[in-house]
Structure formats: structure tokens, C-alpha cells
Amino acid sequence: MGLYLLTIIVLKDTINASSITLKFLYKVVSITLVSWLPLHVIKVVMNELDPSEQQKIMSGYKKDDEDKEENYHTL
């Protein structure tokens, strides 16, 4: 989105900025979300179902830290 806005500023002689309305922005955001959101959801679900080795190691590391903190507080 930032690149899009920068393009409008840089190419102000080429792009008719007055044609950009809230309805137009709504359509752009909607199309972007419709194309991006399903892929992002699939990626998140796949990472939850089949995490990488690094994620598995780090999640075990975090659990060990939590266990150590609990044991420390009970002493």
C-alpha cells in the first residue's frame, strides 16, 4: 500500500488522483484481502499442523523455561 501511495506521489502528472475515492480504495483493499487472506490462513494452519524443526525446538525451549520459573517460585 505504501508503494502504491508513493507511486501516486511520484507520478502525479500521470495518475489522476482525483479519481481515487473511498469506493475505489474499498475495492482495492477488498481485492487484496480476497487474494491474500486465504493463502495466509493456509500458511498459518500448515505451520501449526507441521511446524519446522526450529519451531519445534524453540517451543520445547519455551516450555522448559516456563517449567523452571514455576519450580523457582515454588521453592
PDB file of N, CA and C in Angstrom:
ATOM      1  N   MET A   1       0.831  -1.187   0.000  1.00  0.00           N
ATOM      2  CA  MET A   1       0.000   0.000   0.000  1.00  0.00           C
ATOM      3  C   MET A   1       0.881   1.257   0.000  1.00  0.00           C
ATOM      4  N   GLY A   2       1.961   1.171   0.755  1.00  0.00           N
ATOM      5  CA  GLY A   2       2.878   2.307   0.795  1.00  0.00           C
ATOM      6  C   GLY A   2       3.499   2.580  -0.560  1.00  0.00           C
ATOM      7  N   LEU A   3       3.854   1.500  -1.263  1.00  0.00           N
ATOM      8  CA  LEU A   3       4.419   1.643  -2.604  1.00  0.00           C
ATOM      9  C   LEU A   3       3.396   2.269  -3.549  1.00  0.00           C
ATOM     10  N   TYR A   4       2.156   1.875  -3.390  1.00  0.00           N
ATOM     11  CA  TYR A   4       1.077   2.438  -4.212  1.00  0.00           C
ATOM     12  C   TYR A   4       0.945   3.946  -3.982  1.00  0.00           C
ATOM     13  N   LEU A   5       0.970   4.345  -2.712  1.00  0.00           N
ATOM     14  CA  LEU A   5       0.863   5.772  -2.390  1.00  0.00           C
ATOM     15  C   LEU A   5       2.085   6.539  -2.892  1.00  0.00           C
ATOM     16  N   LEU A   6       3.258   5.939  -2.760  1.00  0.00           N
ATOM     17  CA  LEU A   6       4.469   6.582  -3.253  1.00  0.00           C
ATOM     18  C   LEU A   6       4.407   6.764  -4.768  1.00  0.00           C
ATOM     19  N   THR A   7       3.860   5.764  -5.465  1.00  0.00           N
ATOM     20  CA  THR A   7       3.719   5.854  -6.918  1.00  0.00           C
ATOM     21  C   THR A   7       2.802   7.007  -7.300  1.00  0.00           C
ATOM     22  N   ILE A   8       1.731   7.180  -6.550  1.00  0.00           N
ATOM     23  CA  ILE A   8       0.803   8.285  -6.831  1.00  0.00           C
ATOM     24  C   ILE A   8       1.511   9.629  -6.656  1.00  0.00           C
ATOM     25  N   ILE A   9       2.330   9.727  -5.618  1.00  0.00           N
ATOM     26  CA  ILE A   9       3.031  10.990  -5.357  1.00  0.00           C
ATOM     27  C   ILE A   9       4.074  11.255  -6.444  1.00  0.00           C
ATOM     28  N   VAL A  10       4.855  10.233  -6.792  1.00  0.00           N
ATOM     29  CA  VAL A  10       5.931  10.406  -7.767  1.00  0.00           C
ATOM     30  C   VAL A  10       5.374  10.643  -9.171  1.00  0.00           C
ATOM     31  N   LEU A  11       4.333   9.924  -9.526  1.00  0.00           N
ATOM     32  CA  LEU A  11       3.766  10.024 -10.872  1.00  0.00           C
ATOM     33  C   LEU A  11       2.471  10.849 -10.888  1.00  0.00           C
ATOM     34  N   LYS A  12       2.461  11.953 -10.154  1.00  0.00           N
ATOM     35  CA  LYS A  12       1.240  12.741 -10.053  1.00  0.00           C
ATOM     36  C   LYS A  12       0.799  13.333 -11.389  1.00  0.00           C
ATOM     37  N   ASP A  13       1.711  13.501 -12.317  1.00  0.00           N
ATOM     38  CA  ASP A  13       1.324  14.001 -13.636  1.00  0.00           C
ATOM     39  C   ASP A  13       0.665  12.910 -14.480  1.00  0.00           C
ATOM     40  N   THR A  14       0.995  11.666 -14.197  1.00  0.00           N
ATOM     41  CA  THR A  14       0.478  10.541 -14.972  1.00  0.00           C
ATOM     42  C   THR A  14      -0.816   9.971 -14.392  1.00  0.00           C
ATOM     43  N   ILE A  15      -0.902   9.923 -13.074  1.00  0.00           N
ATOM     44  CA  ILE A  15      -2.060   9.327 -12.396  1.00  0.00           C
ATOM     45  C   ILE A  15      -3.027  10.427 -11.986  1.00  0.00           C
ATOM     46  N   ASN A  16      -4.271  10.231 -12.318  1.00  0.00           N
ATOM     47  CA  ASN A  16      -5.322  11.174 -11.944  1.00  0.00           C
ATOM     48  C   ASN A  16      -5.780  10.851 -10.522  1.00  0.00           C
ATOM     49  N   ALA A  17      -5.224  11.542  -9.549  1.00  0.00           N
ATOM     50  CA  ALA A  17      -5.507  11.261  -8.145  1.00  0.00           C
ATOM     51  C   ALA A  17      -6.940  11.612  -7.758  1.00  0.00           C
ATOM     52  N   SER A  18      -7.598  12.464  -8.522  1.00  0.00           N
ATOM     53  CA  SER A  18      -8.976  12.822  -8.185  1.00  0.00           C
ATOM     54  C   SER A  18      -9.937  11.659  -8.419  1.00  0.00           C
ATOM     55  N   SER A  19      -9.523  10.667  -9.196  1.00  0.00           N
ATOM     56  CA  SER A  19     -10.385   9.506  -9.428  1.00  0.00           C
ATOM     57  C   SER A  19     -10.304   8.483  -8.296  1.00  0.00           C
ATOM     58  N   ILE A  20      -9.425   8.712  -7.332  1.00  0.00           N
ATOM     59  CA  ILE A  20      -9.281   7.803  -6.200  1.00  0.00           C
ATOM     60  C   ILE A  20     -10.258   8.234  -5.114  1.00  0.00           C
ATOM     61  N   THR A  21     -11.311   7.460  -4.976  1.00  0.00           N
ATOM     62  CA  THR A  21     -12.352   7.748  -3.989  1.00  0.00           C
ATOM     63  C   THR A  21     -12.335   6.670  -2.916  1.00  0.00           C
ATOM     64  N   LEU A  22     -13.166   6.839  -1.899  1.00  0.00           N
ATOM     65  CA  LEU A  22     -13.274   5.823  -0.864  1.00  0.00           C
ATOM     66  C   LEU A  22     -13.792   4.501  -1.448  1.00  0.00           C
ATOM     67  N   LYS A  23     -14.692   4.602  -2.404  1.00  0.00           N
ATOM     68  CA  LYS A  23     -15.215   3.393  -3.045  1.00  0.00           C
ATOM     69  C   LYS A  23     -14.085   2.650  -3.768  1.00  0.00           C
ATOM     70  N   PHE A  24     -13.236   3.395  -4.460  1.00  0.00           N
ATOM     71  CA  PHE A  24     -12.095   2.797  -5.154  1.00  0.00           C
ATOM     72  C   PHE A  24     -11.149   2.132  -4.155  1.00  0.00           C
ATOM     73  N   LEU A  25     -10.834   2.820  -3.058  1.00  0.00           N
ATOM     74  CA  LEU A  25      -9.940   2.265  -2.044  1.00  0.00           C
ATOM     75  C   LEU A  25     -10.550   1.018  -1.412  1.00  0.00           C
ATOM     76  N   TYR A  26     -11.856   1.043  -1.194  1.00  0.00           N
ATOM     77  CA  TYR A  26     -12.552  -0.120  -0.650  1.00  0.00           C
ATOM     78  C   TYR A  26     -12.391  -1.313  -1.587  1.00  0.00           C
ATOM     79  N   LYS A  27     -12.539  -1.077  -2.869  1.00  0.00           N
ATOM     80  CA  LYS A  27     -12.393  -2.161  -3.846  1.00  0.00           C
ATOM     81  C   LYS A  27     -10.963  -2.703  -3.876  1.00  0.00           C
ATOM     82  N   VAL A  28      -9.991  -1.813  -3.832  1.00  0.00           N
ATOM     83  CA  VAL A  28      -8.586  -2.238  -3.845  1.00  0.00           C
ATOM     84  C   VAL A  28      -8.266  -3.075  -2.613  1.00  0.00           C
ATOM     85  N   VAL A  29      -8.692  -2.608  -1.450  1.00  0.00           N
ATOM     86  CA  VAL A  29      -8.434  -3.340  -0.207  1.00  0.00           C
ATOM     87  C   VAL A  29      -9.168  -4.679  -0.219  1.00  0.00           C
ATOM     88  N   SER A  30     -10.388  -4.683  -0.703  1.00  0.00           N
ATOM     89  CA  SER A  30     -11.167  -5.930  -0.765  1.00  0.00           C
ATOM     90  C   SER A  30     -10.503  -6.960  -1.672  1.00  0.00           C
ATOM     91  N   ILE A  31     -10.103  -6.548  -2.842  1.00  0.00           N
ATOM     92  CA  ILE A  31      -9.442  -7.472  -3.777  1.00  0.00           C
ATOM     93  C   ILE A  31      -8.131  -7.984  -3.193  1.00  0.00           C
ATOM     94  N   THR A  32      -7.394  -7.107  -2.540  1.00  0.00           N
ATOM     95  CA  THR A  32      -6.132  -7.510  -1.921  1.00  0.00           C
ATOM     96  C   THR A  32      -6.365  -8.545  -0.827  1.00  0.00           C
ATOM     97  N   LEU A  33      -7.366  -8.290   0.029  1.00  0.00           N
ATOM     98  CA  LEU A  33      -7.652  -9.237   1.100  1.00  0.00           C
ATOM     99  C   LEU A  33      -8.157 -10.571   0.578  1.00  0.00           C
ATOM    100  N   VAL A  34      -8.997 -10.534  -0.439  1.00  0.00           N
ATOM    101  CA  VAL A  34      -9.536 -11.764  -1.001  1.00  0.00           C
ATOM    102  C   VAL A  34      -8.426 -12.616  -1.612  1.00  0.00           C
ATOM    103  N   SER A  35      -7.429 -11.989  -2.168  1.00  0.00           N
ATOM    104  CA  SER A  35      -6.347 -12.757  -2.778  1.00  0.00           C
ATOM    105  C   SER A  35      -5.272 -13.151  -1.765  1.00  0.00           C
ATOM    106  N   TRP A  36      -5.079 -12.378  -0.707  1.00  0.00           N
ATOM    107  CA  TRP A  36      -4.004 -12.630   0.246  1.00  0.00           C
ATOM    108  C   TRP A  36      -4.447 -13.482   1.438  1.00  0.00           C
ATOM    109  N   LEU A  37      -5.641 -13.242   1.956  1.00  0.00           N
ATOM    110  CA  LEU A  37      -6.075 -13.870   3.200  1.00  0.00           C
ATOM    111  C   LEU A  37      -6.129 -15.399   3.135  1.00  0.00           C
ATOM    112  N   PRO A  38      -6.704 -16.008   2.101  1.00  0.00           N
ATOM    113  CA  PRO A  38      -6.721 -17.476   2.081  1.00  0.00           C
ATOM    114  C   PRO A  38      -5.322 -18.095   2.102  1.00  0.00           C
ATOM    115  N   LEU A  39      -4.398 -17.522   1.393  1.00  0.00           N
ATOM    116  CA  LEU A  39      -3.028 -18.037   1.390  1.00  0.00           C
ATOM    117  C   LEU A  39      -2.375 -17.880   2.758  1.00  0.00           C
ATOM    118  N   HIS A  40      -2.639 -16.761   3.405  1.00  0.00           N
ATOM    119  CA  HIS A  40      -2.076 -16.529   4.735  1.00  0.00           C
ATOM    120  C   HIS A  40      -2.670 -17.520   5.742  1.00  0.00           C
ATOM    121  N   VAL A  41      -3.967 -17.754   5.671  1.00  0.00           N
ATOM    122  CA  VAL A  41      -4.613 -18.704   6.580  1.00  0.00           C
ATOM    123  C   VAL A  41      -4.050 -20.107   6.356  1.00  0.00           C
ATOM    124  N   ILE A  42      -3.888 -20.505   5.106  1.00  0.00           N
ATOM    125  CA  ILE A  42      -3.315 -21.821   4.800  1.00  0.00           C
ATOM    126  C   ILE A  42      -1.909 -21.934   5.368  1.00  0.00           C
ATOM    127  N   LYS A  43      -1.110 -20.887   5.232  1.00  0.00           N
ATOM    128  CA  LYS A  43       0.262 -20.893   5.751  1.00  0.00           C
ATOM    129  C   LYS A  43       0.270 -21.046   7.271  1.00  0.00           C
ATOM    130  N   VAL A  44      -0.603 -20.319   7.958  1.00  0.00           N
ATOM    131  CA  VAL A  44      -0.658 -20.391   9.425  1.00  0.00           C
ATOM    132  C   VAL A  44      -1.100 -21.785   9.865  1.00  0.00           C
ATOM    133  N   VAL A  45      -2.130 -22.315   9.216  1.00  0.00           N
ATOM    134  CA  VAL A  45      -2.623 -23.649   9.566  1.00  0.00           C
ATOM    135  C   VAL A  45      -1.541 -24.702   9.318  1.00  0.00           C
ATOM    136  N   MET A  46      -0.857 -24.607   8.190  1.00  0.00           N
ATOM    137  CA  MET A  46       0.200 -25.578   7.876  1.00  0.00           C
ATOM    138  C   MET A  46       1.342 -25.490   8.896  1.00  0.00           C
ATOM    139  N   ASN A  47       1.683 -24.295   9.336  1.00  0.00           N
ATOM    140  CA  ASN A  47       2.737 -24.142  10.347  1.00  0.00           C
ATOM    141  C   ASN A  47       2.301 -24.727  11.687  1.00  0.00           C
ATOM    142  N   GLU A  48       1.006 -24.646  11.997  1.00  0.00           N
ATOM    143  CA  GLU A  48       0.506 -25.226  13.241  1.00  0.00           C
ATOM    144  C   GLU A  48       0.465 -26.750  13.157  1.00  0.00           C
ATOM    145  N   LEU A  49       0.066 -27.280  12.005  1.00  0.00           N
ATOM    146  CA  LEU A  49      -0.036 -28.730  11.844  1.00  0.00           C
ATOM    147  C   LEU A  49       1.316 -29.396  11.645  1.00  0.00           C
ATOM    148  N   ASP A  50       2.231 -28.729  10.968  1.00  0.00           N
ATOM    149  CA  ASP A  50       3.537 -29.302  10.663  1.00  0.00           C
ATOM    150  C   ASP A  50       4.620 -28.234  10.838  1.00  0.00           C
ATOM    151  N   PRO A  51       4.965 -27.933  12.092  1.00  0.00           N
ATOM    152  CA  PRO A  51       5.973 -26.876  12.320  1.00  0.00           C
ATOM    153  C   PRO A  51       7.352 -27.333  11.866  1.00  0.00           C
ATOM    154  N   SER A  52       8.194 -26.360  11.565  1.00  0.00           N
ATOM    155  CA  SER A  52       9.567 -26.671  11.166  1.00  0.00           C
ATOM    156  C   SER A  52      10.345 -27.175  12.377  1.00  0.00           C
ATOM    157  N   GLU A  53      11.507 -27.745  12.114  1.00  0.00           N
ATOM    158  CA  GLU A  53      12.344 -28.254  13.205  1.00  0.00           C
ATOM    159  C   GLU A  53      12.710 -27.129  14.176  1.00  0.00           C
ATOM    160  N   GLN A  54      13.010 -25.963  13.646  1.00  0.00           N
ATOM    161  CA  GLN A  54      13.374 -24.838  14.509  1.00  0.00           C
ATOM    162  C   GLN A  54      12.207 -24.453  15.415  1.00  0.00           C
ATOM    163  N   GLN A  55      10.994 -24.428  14.871  1.00  0.00           N
ATOM    164  CA  GLN A  55       9.829 -24.094  15.683  1.00  0.00           C
ATOM    165  C   GLN A  55       9.592 -25.148  16.764  1.00  0.00           C
ATOM    166  N   LYS A  56       9.815 -26.422  16.430  1.00  0.00           N
ATOM    167  CA  LYS A  56       9.652 -27.485  17.413  1.00  0.00           C
ATOM    168  C   LYS A  56      10.656 -27.328  18.546  1.00  0.00           C
ATOM    169  N   ILE A  57      11.904 -27.043  18.198  1.00  0.00           N
ATOM    170  CA  ILE A  57      12.945 -26.878  19.212  1.00  0.00           C
ATOM    171  C   ILE A  57      12.652 -25.675  20.092  1.00  0.00           C
ATOM    172  N   MET A  58      12.266 -24.562  19.467  1.00  0.00           N
ATOM    173  CA  MET A  58      12.000 -23.337  20.228  1.00  0.00           C
ATOM    174  C   MET A  58      10.774 -23.487  21.116  1.00  0.00           C
ATOM    175  N   SER A  59       9.750 -24.215  20.680  1.00  0.00           N
ATOM    176  CA  SER A  59       8.576 -24.387  21.520  1.00  0.00           C
ATOM    177  C   SER A  59       8.929 -25.247  22.737  1.00  0.00           C
ATOM    178  N   GLY A  60       9.797 -26.229  22.566  1.00  0.00           N
ATOM    179  CA  GLY A  60      10.270 -27.017  23.700  1.00  0.00           C
ATOM    180  C   GLY A  60      11.107 -26.190  24.640  1.00  0.00           C
ATOM    181  N   TYR A  61      11.907 -25.298  24.092  1.00  0.00           N
ATOM    182  CA  TYR A  61      12.751 -24.413  24.901  1.00  0.00           C
ATOM    183  C   TYR A  61      11.893 -23.493  25.759  1.00  0.00           C
ATOM    184  N   LYS A  62      10.836 -22.945  25.173  1.00  0.00           N
ATOM    185  CA  LYS A  62       9.944 -22.046  25.921  1.00  0.00           C
ATOM    186  C   LYS A  62       9.250 -22.790  27.052  1.00  0.00           C
ATOM    187  N   LYS A  63       8.832 -24.037  26.804  1.00  0.00           N
ATOM    188  CA  LYS A  63       8.175 -24.824  27.844  1.00  0.00           C
ATOM    189  C   LYS A  63       9.142 -25.115  28.981  1.00  0.00           C
ATOM    190  N   ASP A  64      10.397 -25.411  28.655  1.00  0.00           N
ATOM    191  CA  ASP A  64      11.398 -25.669  29.686  1.00  0.00           C
ATOM    192  C   ASP A  64      11.607 -24.436  30.549  1.00  0.00           C
ATOM    193  N   ASP A  65      11.637 -23.248  29.937  1.00  0.00           N
ATOM    194  CA  ASP A  65      11.798 -22.006  30.691  1.00  0.00           C
ATOM    195  C   ASP A  65      10.616 -21.782  31.626  1.00  0.00           C
ATOM    196  N   GLU A  66       9.406 -22.070  31.154  1.00  0.00           N
ATOM    197  CA  GLU A  66       8.215 -21.898  31.986  1.00  0.00           C
ATOM    198  C   GLU A  66       8.253 -22.863  33.160  1.00  0.00           C
ATOM    199  N   ASP A  67       8.681 -24.102  32.921  1.00  0.00           N
ATOM    200  CA  ASP A  67       8.774 -25.088  33.999  1.00  0.00           C
ATOM    201  C   ASP A  67       9.797 -24.647  35.035  1.00  0.00           C
ATOM    202  N   LYS A  68      10.934 -24.124  34.592  1.00  0.00           N
ATOM    203  CA  LYS A  68      11.972 -23.657  35.518  1.00  0.00           C
ATOM    204  C   LYS A  68      11.457 -22.503  36.363  1.00  0.00           C
ATOM    205  N   GLU A  69      10.702 -21.591  35.764  1.00  0.00           N
ATOM    206  CA  GLU A  69      10.157 -20.461  36.518  1.00  0.00           C
ATOM    207  C   GLU A  69       9.158 -20.930  37.552  1.00  0.00           C
ATOM    208  N   GLU A  70       8.310 -21.906  37.197  1.00  0.00           N
ATOM    209  CA  GLU A  70       7.345 -22.441  38.159  1.00  0.00           C
ATOM    210  C   GLU A  70       8.055 -23.110  39.322  1.00  0.00           C
ATOM    211  N   ASN A  71       9.086 -23.888  39.024  1.00  0.00           N
ATOM    212  CA  ASN A  71       9.844 -24.558  40.089  1.00  0.00           C
ATOM    213  C   ASN A  71      10.557 -23.556  40.961  1.00  0.00           C
ATOM    214  N   TYR A  72      11.055 -22.479  40.379  1.00  0.00           N
ATOM    215  CA  TYR A  72      11.760 -21.445  41.148  1.00  0.00           C
ATOM    216  C   TYR A  72      10.814 -20.764  42.135  1.00  0.00           C
ATOM    217  N   HIS A  73       9.588 -20.476  41.691  1.00  0.00           N
ATOM    218  CA  HIS A  73       8.623 -19.787  42.542  1.00  0.00           C
ATOM    219  C   HIS A  73       8.078 -20.688  43.644  1.00  0.00           C
ATOM    220  N   THR A  74       8.104 -21.994  43.455  1.00  0.00           N
ATOM    221  CA  THR A  74       7.569 -22.894  44.481  1.00  0.00           C
ATOM    222  C   THR A  74       8.582 -23.179  45.572  1.00  0.00           C
ATOM    223  N   LEU A  75       9.859 -22.850  45.351  1.00  0.00           N
ATOM    224  CA  LEU A  75      10.880 -23.106  46.369  1.00  0.00           C
ATOM    225  C   LEU A  75      10.801 -22.179  47.490  1.00  0.00           C
TER     226      LEU A  75
END
